[in-house]
C-alpha atoms as a PDB file:
ATOM      1  CA  MET A   1      -1.244  57.891  74.543  1.00  0.00           C
ATOM      2  CA  LEU A   2      -1.159  61.474  73.298  1.00  0.00           C
ATOM      3  CA  PRO A   3      -3.392  62.425  70.347  1.00  0.00           C
ATOM      4  CA  GLU A   4      -1.665  62.910  67.001  1.00  0.00           C
ATOM      5  CA  ARG A   5      -0.958  66.565  66.332  1.00  0.00           C
ATOM      6  CA  GLU A   6      -2.740  68.020  63.285  1.00  0.00           C
ATOM      7  CA  GLU A   7      -0.959  70.959  61.682  1.00  0.00           C
ATOM      8  CA  ILE A   8      -2.981  73.846  60.241  1.00  0.00           C
ATOM      9  CA  ALA A   9      -0.750  74.247  57.200  1.00  0.00           C
ATOM     10  CA  THR A  10       2.809  73.708  55.980  1.00  0.00           C
ATOM     11  CA  ILE A  11       4.966  76.829  55.649  1.00  0.00           C
ATOM     12  CA  VAL A  12       8.410  77.176  54.089  1.00  0.00           C
ATOM     13  CA  VAL A  13      10.228  79.890  56.065  1.00  0.00           C
ATOM     14  CA  CYS A  14      13.049  81.385  53.978  1.00  0.00           C
ATOM     15  CA  GLU A  15      15.233  83.589  56.205  1.00  0.00           C
ATOM     16  CA  ASP A  16      19.044  83.749  56.309  1.00  0.00           C
ATOM     17  CA  ASP A  17      19.366  85.252  59.796  1.00  0.00           C
ATOM     18  CA  ASP A  18      19.667  82.371  62.288  1.00  0.00           C
ATOM     19  CA  ALA A  19      18.025  84.179  65.210  1.00  0.00           C
ATOM     20  CA  THR A  20      15.050  85.356  63.147  1.00  0.00           C
ATOM     21  CA  LEU A  21      14.650  81.938  61.531  1.00  0.00           C
ATOM     22  CA  ASP A  22      14.663  80.191  64.916  1.00  0.00           C
ATOM     23  CA  LEU A  23      12.152  82.685  66.348  1.00  0.00           C
ATOM     24  CA  LEU A  24       9.775  82.252  63.406  1.00  0.00           C
ATOM     25  CA  CYS A  25      10.068  78.463  63.440  1.00  0.00           C
ATOM     26  CA  ASP A  26       9.486  78.252  67.200  1.00  0.00           C
ATOM     27  CA  HIS A  27       6.413  80.506  67.168  1.00  0.00           C
ATOM     28  CA  LEU A  28       4.842  79.009  64.051  1.00  0.00           C
ATOM     29  CA  THR A  29       5.387  75.465  65.341  1.00  0.00           C
ATOM     30  CA  ALA A  30       3.764  76.436  68.646  1.00  0.00           C
ATOM     31  CA  ASP A  31       0.790  77.727  66.642  1.00  0.00           C
ATOM     32  CA  ARG A  32       0.402  74.318  64.951  1.00  0.00           C
ATOM     33  CA  PHE A  33       2.022  75.062  61.623  1.00  0.00           C
ATOM     34  CA  GLU A  34       4.416  72.552  60.096  1.00  0.00           C
ATOM     35  CA  VAL A  35       7.575  74.543  59.370  1.00  0.00           C
ATOM     36  CA  LEU A  36      10.232  73.806  56.747  1.00  0.00           C
ATOM     37  CA  PRO A  37      13.228  76.137  57.299  1.00  0.00           C
ATOM     38  CA  ALA A  38      15.286  77.461  54.387  1.00  0.00           C
ATOM     39  CA  GLN A  39      18.302  79.781  54.670  1.00  0.00           C
ATOM     40  CA  THR A  40      18.929  80.261  50.943  1.00  0.00           C
ATOM     41  CA  ALA A  41      16.959  80.847  47.769  1.00  0.00           C
ATOM     42  CA  ALA A  42      18.003  77.401  46.520  1.00  0.00           C
ATOM     43  CA  ASP A  43      16.706  75.748  49.698  1.00  0.00           C
ATOM     44  CA  ALA A  44      13.381  77.568  49.415  1.00  0.00           C
ATOM     45  CA  LEU A  45      12.892  76.580  45.780  1.00  0.00           C
ATOM     46  CA  ARG A  46      13.764  72.950  46.504  1.00  0.00           C
ATOM     47  CA  LEU A  47      11.308  72.727  49.395  1.00  0.00           C
ATOM     48  CA  CYS A  48       8.555  74.421  47.377  1.00  0.00           C
ATOM     49  CA  ARG A  49       9.180  72.080  44.464  1.00  0.00           C
ATOM     50  CA  TYR A  50       9.001  68.790  46.338  1.00  0.00           C
ATOM     51  CA  ASN A  51       6.978  69.459  49.503  1.00  0.00           C
ATOM     52  CA  HIS A  52       3.994  71.326  48.063  1.00  0.00           C
ATOM     53  CA  PRO A  53       3.697  73.717  51.025  1.00  0.00           C
ATOM     54  CA  ASP A  54       0.616  75.824  51.725  1.00  0.00           C
ATOM     55  CA  LEU A  55       2.590  79.081  51.976  1.00  0.00           C
ATOM     56  CA  LEU A  56       6.078  80.538  51.521  1.00  0.00           C
ATOM     57  CA  LEU A  57       7.332  83.178  53.976  1.00  0.00           C
ATOM     58  CA  LEU A  58      10.111  84.861  52.014  1.00  0.00           C
ATOM     59  CA  ASP A  59      12.945  87.231  52.887  1.00  0.00           C
ATOM     60  CA  LEU A  60      14.307  89.302  50.005  1.00  0.00           C
ATOM     61  CA  ALA A  61      17.967  89.606  51.075  1.00  0.00           C
ATOM     62  CA  LEU A  62      19.346  86.077  50.688  1.00  0.00           C
ATOM     63  CA  PRO A  63      22.985  84.955  50.352  1.00  0.00           C
ATOM     64  CA  ASP A  64      22.690  83.246  46.971  1.00  0.00           C
ATOM     65  CA  ALA A  65      19.979  85.222  45.144  1.00  0.00           C
ATOM     66  CA  SER A  66      17.352  87.886  45.633  1.00  0.00           C
ATOM     67  CA  GLY A  67      14.056  86.799  47.105  1.00  0.00           C
ATOM     68  CA  LEU A  68      12.475  88.590  44.157  1.00  0.00           C
ATOM     69  CA  ASP A  69      14.100  85.985  41.897  1.00  0.00           C
ATOM     70  CA  VAL A  70      12.472  83.226  43.978  1.00  0.00           C
ATOM     71  CA  LEU A  71       9.129  84.992  43.696  1.00  0.00           C
ATOM     72  CA  ARG A  72       9.542  85.394  39.937  1.00  0.00           C
ATOM     73  CA  GLU A  73      10.595  81.750  39.467  1.00  0.00           C
ATOM     74  CA  ILE A  74       7.491  80.450  41.223  1.00  0.00           C
ATOM     75  CA  ARG A  75       5.024  82.844  39.609  1.00  0.00           C
ATOM     76  CA  ASP A  76       6.409  82.134  36.121  1.00  0.00           C
ATOM     77  CA  ALA A  77       6.128  78.356  36.583  1.00  0.00           C
ATOM     78  CA  ASP A  78       3.757  76.353  34.409  1.00  0.00           C
ATOM     79  CA  GLY A  79       2.814  74.033  37.275  1.00  0.00           C
ATOM     80  CA  VAL A  80       3.791  70.940  35.264  1.00  0.00           C
ATOM     81  CA  ASP A  81       7.392  70.653  34.049  1.00  0.00           C
ATOM     82  CA  SER A  82       8.764  73.004  36.714  1.00  0.00           C
ATOM     83  CA  ARG A  83       6.866  71.220  39.541  1.00  0.00           C
ATOM     84  CA  PHE A  84       6.246  74.575  41.257  1.00  0.00           C
ATOM     85  CA  ASP A  85       2.718  75.677  42.084  1.00  0.00           C
ATOM     86  CA  PRO A  86       2.478  79.118  40.424  1.00  0.00           C
ATOM     87  CA  GLN A  87      -0.401  80.015  42.760  1.00  0.00           C
ATOM     88  CA  LEU A  88       1.517  79.240  45.960  1.00  0.00           C
ATOM     89  CA  PRO A  89       0.661  81.902  48.577  1.00  0.00           C
ATOM     90  CA  ILE A  90       3.771  84.010  49.261  1.00  0.00           C
ATOM     91  CA  VAL A  91       4.226  86.513  52.078  1.00  0.00           C
ATOM     92  CA  VAL A  92       7.347  88.681  51.808  1.00  0.00           C
ATOM     93  CA  LEU A  93       9.041  89.486  55.141  1.00  0.00           C
ATOM     94  CA  THR A  94      11.945  91.883  54.704  1.00  0.00           C
ATOM     95  CA  GLY A  95      13.844  94.854  56.032  1.00  0.00           C
ATOM     96  CA  ARG A  96      13.512  96.520  52.631  1.00  0.00           C
ATOM     97  CA  GLY A  97      10.461  98.657  53.237  1.00  0.00           C
ATOM     98  CA  GLY A  98      10.785 101.319  50.580  1.00  0.00           C
ATOM     99  CA  ALA A  99       7.799 102.019  48.350  1.00  0.00           C
ATOM    100  CA  THR A 100       9.697 100.832  45.266  1.00  0.00           C
ATOM    101  CA  ASP A 101      10.571  97.465  46.840  1.00  0.00           C
ATOM    102  CA  ARG A 102       7.029  97.002  48.116  1.00  0.00           C
ATOM    103  CA  VAL A 103       5.436  97.778  44.752  1.00  0.00           C
ATOM    104  CA  ARG A 104       7.959  95.579  42.943  1.00  0.00           C
ATOM    105  CA  GLY A 105       7.213  92.652  45.255  1.00  0.00           C
ATOM    106  CA  LEU A 106       3.457  93.034  44.903  1.00  0.00           C
ATOM    107  CA  ASP A 107       3.743  93.470  41.131  1.00  0.00           C
ATOM    108  CA  LEU A 108       5.661  90.182  40.938  1.00  0.00           C
ATOM    109  CA  GLY A 109       2.816  88.424  42.710  1.00  0.00           C
ATOM    110  CA  ALA A 110       3.442  88.543  46.486  1.00  0.00           C
ATOM    111  CA  ASP A 111       0.191  88.068  48.409  1.00  0.00           C
ATOM    112  CA  ASP A 112       1.359  90.324  51.253  1.00  0.00           C
ATOM    113  CA  TYR A 113       4.426  92.353  52.219  1.00  0.00           C
ATOM    114  CA  VAL A 114       5.563  92.722  55.841  1.00  0.00           C
ATOM    115  CA  GLN A 115       8.435  94.974  56.879  1.00  0.00           C
ATOM    116  CA  LYS A 116      10.983  94.239  59.614  1.00  0.00           C
ATOM    117  CA  PRO A 117      11.028  94.797  62.523  1.00  0.00           C
ATOM    118  CA  PHE A 118       7.708  93.011  62.780  1.00  0.00           C
ATOM    119  CA  SER A 119       5.152  91.941  65.362  1.00  0.00           C
ATOM    120  CA  TYR A 120       4.780  88.165  65.310  1.00  0.00           C
ATOM    121  CA  GLU A 121       1.086  88.443  66.199  1.00  0.00           C
ATOM    122  CA  GLU A 122       0.461  90.691  63.197  1.00  0.00           C
ATOM    123  CA  LEU A 123       2.526  88.438  60.931  1.00  0.00           C
ATOM    124  CA  ARG A 124       0.551  85.377  62.048  1.00  0.00           C
ATOM    125  CA  ALA A 125      -2.729  87.202  61.373  1.00  0.00           C
ATOM    126  CA  ARG A 126      -1.537  88.141  57.880  1.00  0.00           C
ATOM    127  CA  ILE A 127      -0.459  84.557  57.169  1.00  0.00           C
ATOM    128  CA  GLN A 128      -3.836  83.245  58.261  1.00  0.00           C
ATOM    129  CA  ALA A 129      -5.629  85.860  56.152  1.00  0.00           C
ATOM    130  CA  VAL A 130      -3.658  84.845  53.050  1.00  0.00           C
ATOM    131  CA  LEU A 131      -4.379  81.167  53.715  1.00  0.00           C
ATOM    132  CA  ARG A 132      -8.094  81.905  54.105  1.00  0.00           C
ATOM    133  CA  ARG A 133      -8.153  83.772  50.795  1.00  0.00           C
ATOM    134  CA  ARG A 134      -6.520  80.829  49.055  1.00  0.00           C
ATOM    135  CA  HIS A 135      -8.497  78.144  50.898  1.00  0.00           C
ATOM    136  CA  SER A 136     -10.936  77.665  48.037  1.00  0.00           C
ATOM    137  CA  ARG A 137      -8.097  76.844  45.614  1.00  0.00           C
ATOM    138  CA  ARG A 138      -7.826  73.128  44.846  1.00  0.00           C
ATOM    139  CA  ASP A 139      -4.788  71.296  43.479  1.00  0.00           C
ATOM    140  CA  GLY A 140      -5.604  68.707  40.865  1.00  0.00           C
ATOM    141  CA  PRO A 141      -5.003  65.002  41.470  1.00  0.00           C
ATOM    142  CA  VAL A 142      -1.846  63.281  40.217  1.00  0.00           C
ATOM    143  CA  ARG A 143      -1.929  59.769  38.766  1.00  0.00           C
ATOM    144  CA  ILE A 144       1.025  57.377  38.557  1.00  0.00           C
ATOM    145  CA  GLY A 145      -0.113  54.022  37.222  1.00  0.00           C
ATOM    146  CA  GLU A 146      -2.769  52.711  39.613  1.00  0.00           C
ATOM    147  CA  ILE A 147      -1.930  55.360  42.236  1.00  0.00           C
ATOM    148  CA  MET A 148      -4.010  58.537  42.401  1.00  0.00           C
ATOM    149  CA  VAL A 149      -2.856  61.281  44.792  1.00  0.00           C
ATOM    150  CA  ASP A 150      -5.322  64.123  45.450  1.00  0.00           C
ATOM    151  CA  PRO A 151      -3.467  66.839  47.427  1.00  0.00           C
ATOM    152  CA  SER A 152      -6.520  69.043  47.997  1.00  0.00           C
ATOM    153  CA  ARG A 153      -8.412  66.278  49.793  1.00  0.00           C
ATOM    154  CA  ARG A 154      -5.282  64.544  51.116  1.00  0.00           C
ATOM    155  CA  LYS A 155      -6.607  61.377  49.526  1.00  0.00           C
ATOM    156  CA  VAL A 156      -4.740  58.423  48.020  1.00  0.00           C
ATOM    157  CA  VAL A 157      -6.380  55.688  45.949  1.00  0.00           C
ATOM    158  CA  VAL A 158      -4.662  52.614  44.533  1.00  0.00           C
ATOM    159  CA  GLY A 159      -6.893  51.001  41.926  1.00  0.00           C
ATOM    160  CA  ASP A 160     -10.314  51.151  43.602  1.00  0.00           C
ATOM    161  CA  ARG A 161      -8.933  51.011  47.157  1.00  0.00           C
ATOM    162  CA  GLU A 162      -8.542  54.130  49.291  1.00  0.00           C
ATOM    163  CA  VAL A 163      -5.295  54.187  51.297  1.00  0.00           C
ATOM    164  CA  HIS A 164      -5.104  56.073  54.580  1.00  0.00           C
ATOM    165  CA  LEU A 165      -1.677  57.595  55.249  1.00  0.00           C
ATOM    166  CA  ALA A 166      -0.143  59.444  58.181  1.00  0.00           C
ATOM    167  CA  LYS A 167       0.979  62.996  57.469  1.00  0.00           C
ATOM    168  CA  LYS A 168       4.664  62.238  56.839  1.00  0.00           C
ATOM    169  CA  GLU A 169       3.814  59.166  54.779  1.00  0.00           C
ATOM    170  CA  PHE A 170       1.608  61.362  52.588  1.00  0.00           C
ATOM    171  CA  THR A 171       4.341  64.006  52.247  1.00  0.00           C
ATOM    172  CA  LEU A 172       6.889  61.323  51.362  1.00  0.00           C
ATOM    173  CA  LEU A 173       4.537  59.959  48.697  1.00  0.00           C
ATOM    174  CA  ARG A 174       4.008  63.438  47.222  1.00  0.00           C
ATOM    175  CA  VAL A 175       7.756  64.014  46.943  1.00  0.00           C
ATOM    176  CA  LEU A 176       8.347  60.620  45.294  1.00  0.00           C
ATOM    177  CA  ALA A 177       5.327  61.107  43.006  1.00  0.00           C
ATOM    178  CA  SER A 178       6.660  64.478  41.824  1.00  0.00           C
ATOM    179  CA  ASP A 179       9.234  62.562  39.729  1.00  0.00           C
ATOM    180  CA  PRO A 180       8.253  58.888  40.093  1.00  0.00           C
ATOM    181  CA  THR A 181      11.197  57.203  38.336  1.00  0.00           C
ATOM    182  CA  ARG A 182      13.876  59.437  39.828  1.00  0.00           C
ATOM    183  CA  VAL A 183      15.989  58.133  42.716  1.00  0.00           C
ATOM    184  CA  PHE A 184      15.806  60.579  45.637  1.00  0.00           C
ATOM    185  CA  SER A 185      18.793  60.260  47.982  1.00  0.00           C
ATOM    186  CA  LYS A 186      18.184  59.559  51.657  1.00  0.00           C
ATOM    187  CA  ASP A 187      19.717  62.859  52.723  1.00  0.00           C
ATOM    188  CA  GLU A 188      17.559  64.671  50.180  1.00  0.00           C
ATOM    189  CA  LEU A 189      14.350  63.052  51.451  1.00  0.00           C
ATOM    190  CA  LEU A 190      15.232  63.629  55.097  1.00  0.00           C
ATOM    191  CA  ARG A 191      15.905  67.274  54.253  1.00  0.00           C
ATOM    192  CA  ASP A 192      12.834  67.840  52.087  1.00  0.00           C
ATOM    193  CA  VAL A 193      10.262  65.800  54.033  1.00  0.00           C
ATOM    194  CA  TRP A 194      11.493  66.141  57.622  1.00  0.00           C
ATOM    195  CA  GLY A 195      13.466  69.400  57.361  1.00  0.00           C
ATOM    196  CA  PHE A 196      16.836  67.971  58.442  1.00  0.00           C
ATOM    197  CA  LYS A 197      19.457  70.687  57.953  1.00  0.00           C
ATOM    198  CA  ALA A 198      22.449  68.309  57.713  1.00  0.00           C
ATOM    199  CA  PRO A 199      23.100  64.637  56.875  1.00  0.00           C
ATOM    200  CA  ALA A 200      21.223  62.633  59.486  1.00  0.00           C
ATOM    201  CA  GLY A 201      23.676  59.794  59.979  1.00  0.00           C
ATOM    202  CA  ARG A 202      22.141  56.487  61.075  1.00  0.00           C
ATOM    203  CA  THR A 203      18.531  57.541  61.684  1.00  0.00           C
ATOM    204  CA  ARG A 204      15.913  54.968  60.648  1.00  0.00           C
ATOM    205  CA  THR A 205      13.127  57.549  60.286  1.00  0.00           C
ATOM    206  CA  LEU A 206      13.042  57.474  56.492  1.00  0.00           C
ATOM    207  CA  ASP A 207      13.393  53.695  56.187  1.00  0.00           C
ATOM    208  CA  SER A 208      10.574  52.999  58.635  1.00  0.00           C
ATOM    209  CA  HIS A 209       8.225  55.462  56.922  1.00  0.00           C
ATOM    210  CA  ALA A 210       9.141  54.111  53.469  1.00  0.00           C
ATOM    211  CA  SER A 211       8.475  50.553  54.625  1.00  0.00           C
ATOM    212  CA  ARG A 212       5.038  51.446  56.022  1.00  0.00           C
ATOM    213  CA  LEU A 213       4.171  53.418  52.876  1.00  0.00           C
ATOM    214  CA  ARG A 214       5.195  50.482  50.664  1.00  0.00           C
ATOM    215  CA  ARG A 215       2.995  48.048  52.609  1.00  0.00           C
ATOM    216  CA  LYS A 216       0.015  50.398  52.566  1.00  0.00           C
ATOM    217  CA  LEU A 217       0.203  51.093  48.833  1.00  0.00           C
ATOM    218  CA  ASP A 218       0.575  47.441  47.799  1.00  0.00           C
ATOM    219  CA  PRO A 219       0.286  44.944  50.693  1.00  0.00           C
ATOM    220  CA  GLU A 220       0.700  41.886  48.440  1.00  0.00           C
ATOM    221  CA  ASN A 221       3.463  42.727  45.968  1.00  0.00           C
ATOM    222  CA  GLN A 222       4.998  45.850  47.571  1.00  0.00           C
ATOM    223  CA  LYS A 223       6.014  47.092  44.126  1.00  0.00           C
ATOM    224  CA  TYR A 224       5.959  50.783  44.996  1.00  0.00           C
ATOM    225  CA  VAL A 225       8.545  52.809  46.979  1.00  0.00           C
ATOM    226  CA  VAL A 226      11.579  51.055  45.543  1.00  0.00           C
ATOM    227  CA  ASN A 227      14.628  50.902  47.804  1.00  0.00           C
ATOM    228  CA  CYS A 228      17.774  51.659  45.780  1.00  0.00           C
ATOM    229  CA  TRP A 229      20.295  50.217  48.203  1.00  0.00           C
ATOM    230  CA  GLY A 230      22.917  52.626  49.440  1.00  0.00           C
ATOM    231  CA  ILE A 231      21.346  55.563  47.593  1.00  0.00           C
ATOM    232  CA  GLY A 232      17.714  56.236  48.409  1.00  0.00           C
ATOM    233  CA  TYR A 233      14.194  55.627  47.075  1.00  0.00           C
ATOM    234  CA  ARG A 234      12.046  56.084  44.012  1.00  0.00           C
ATOM    235  CA  LEU A 235       8.312  55.498  43.629  1.00  0.00           C
ATOM    236  CA  VAL A 236       8.383  53.094  40.675  1.00  0.00           C
ATOM    237  CA  ASP A 237      10.965  51.299  38.567  1.00  0.00           C
ATOM    238  CA  GLY A 238      11.851  53.214  35.412  1.00  0.00           C
END
């Protein structure tokens, strides 16, 4: 049996060029990063809102909005109502290399600015440097009823019992806990947790993970991770 792969960090890669996106995803995955691809500003914001990534790699020229608007939206967030982490590390990767664009991006809060064409080795080194600088930052725990989710320590406690979750189970819980009474559709969860780019048809991936998560959180009553038949899941009944 092969050992379970442990990713270094989760990165949202926002890039509208298919070839560049595939290259970045392939290389970063090979280097043990979990990659969530996004081809639009809306996709990037959605993934950052619900997946709590460790870093956003952001192009500026996107089909639906400027990457600067994405940067501004995240940096202006309050970290509560908006659900965005305003301190999320962001590395801009763009063909716009003029001094004005670079200064504007850094002024808006980018942690680094890399111009295309780029060396992947240099980009990876810059990503790792940004992650090291932010490593000491700790996200506060979230409590929903008896459930306490501590993202910084990847720890889950229900009542006085610690619950050990696999990586995708933990990510699924974090998405559901971000808005615990909201019903998340199956396609939405498959997209935001597993990175599916299109409706996934008859896959049982989500259902099997949701079932395991439900049993782990509450083995006796299984009152969490509510299955809304034909629609999706929510963490608790409203």
